[in-house]
Amino acid sequence: MGTKEKIKKEIDKLSEEFLDDVLKYLYNLKNTYKPKKNIRRLHLKGQFDNINIRQNAYE
C-alpha cells in the first residue's frame, strides 16, 4: 500500500468537522510550494570568471 492510499484511508476516518481544516491545509501546501530558480552564471571576461568566489571570500 502506497502513501497516497494511506493518506486517503486516514482522511476517510476523520469526522466531518475536521474535513474543512484538512482541505484548507492541503490547498495551502499546494499554493506555497515554489520551485527554486537556478542562478544564472555571468561570464563577463573578468578576473572573477574562473575562481570560486565563496571560497576566496572566506580566506
Protein backbone atom coordinates (compact mmCIF):
# COMPACT_ATOMS: atom_id res chain seq x y z
CA MET A 1 0.00 0.00 0.00
CA GLY A 2 1.41 3.34 -1.04
CA THR A 3 1.50 6.60 0.83
CA LYS A 4 -1.37 8.03 -1.18
CA GLU A 5 -3.68 5.20 -0.19
CA LYS A 6 -2.68 5.51 3.48
CA ILE A 7 -3.47 9.23 3.44
CA LYS A 8 -6.84 8.59 1.78
CA LYS A 9 -7.70 5.98 4.43
CA GLU A 10 -6.85 8.36 7.27
CA ILE A 11 -8.91 11.15 5.70
CA ASP A 12 -11.86 8.77 5.34
CA LYS A 13 -11.67 8.03 9.07
CA LEU A 14 -11.91 11.71 10.05
CA SER A 15 -15.15 13.24 11.23
CA GLU A 16 -16.95 15.86 9.15
CA GLU A 17 -15.89 18.75 11.37
CA PHE A 18 -12.19 18.30 10.55
CA LEU A 19 -12.55 17.90 6.80
CA ASP A 20 -12.67 21.64 6.13
CA ASP A 21 -9.43 22.12 8.08
CA VAL A 22 -7.75 19.30 6.15
CA LEU A 23 -8.91 20.80 2.86
CA LYS A 24 -7.54 24.24 3.79
CA TYR A 25 -4.24 22.65 4.83
CA LEU A 26 -3.93 20.76 1.54
CA TYR A 27 -4.66 23.88 -0.51
CA ASN A 28 -2.04 25.81 1.47
CA LEU A 29 0.53 23.11 0.80
CA LYS A 30 -0.22 23.24 -2.88
CA ASN A 31 -0.01 27.02 -3.14
CA THR A 32 3.08 27.62 -1.03
CA TYR A 33 5.41 25.32 -2.98
CA LYS A 34 7.61 27.28 -5.36
CA PRO A 35 10.41 25.58 -7.23
CA LYS A 36 13.84 27.05 -6.71
CA LYS A 37 15.22 29.03 -9.58
CA ASN A 38 18.74 28.38 -10.73
CA ILE A 39 21.08 31.33 -10.54
CA ARG A 40 22.48 32.21 -13.92
CA ARG A 41 26.21 32.45 -14.34
CA LEU A 42 27.60 35.57 -15.87
CA HIS A 43 30.76 35.42 -17.92
CA LEU A 44 31.99 38.97 -18.08
CA LYS A 45 35.51 38.05 -19.18
CA GLY A 46 36.99 39.38 -15.99
CA GLN A 47 39.14 38.24 -13.10
CA PHE A 48 36.30 36.51 -11.20
CA ASP A 49 35.02 34.23 -14.01
CA ASN A 50 37.13 31.16 -13.27
CA ILE A 51 37.51 31.29 -9.48
CA ASN A 52 35.36 30.14 -6.60
CA ILE A 53 34.24 33.45 -5.12
CA ARG A 54 32.77 31.89 -1.98
CA GLN A 55 36.00 30.07 -1.16
CA ASN A 56 38.09 33.17 -1.74
CA ALA A 57 35.77 35.29 0.42
CA TYR A 58 36.43 33.08 3.45
CA GLU A 59 40.20 33.16 3.01
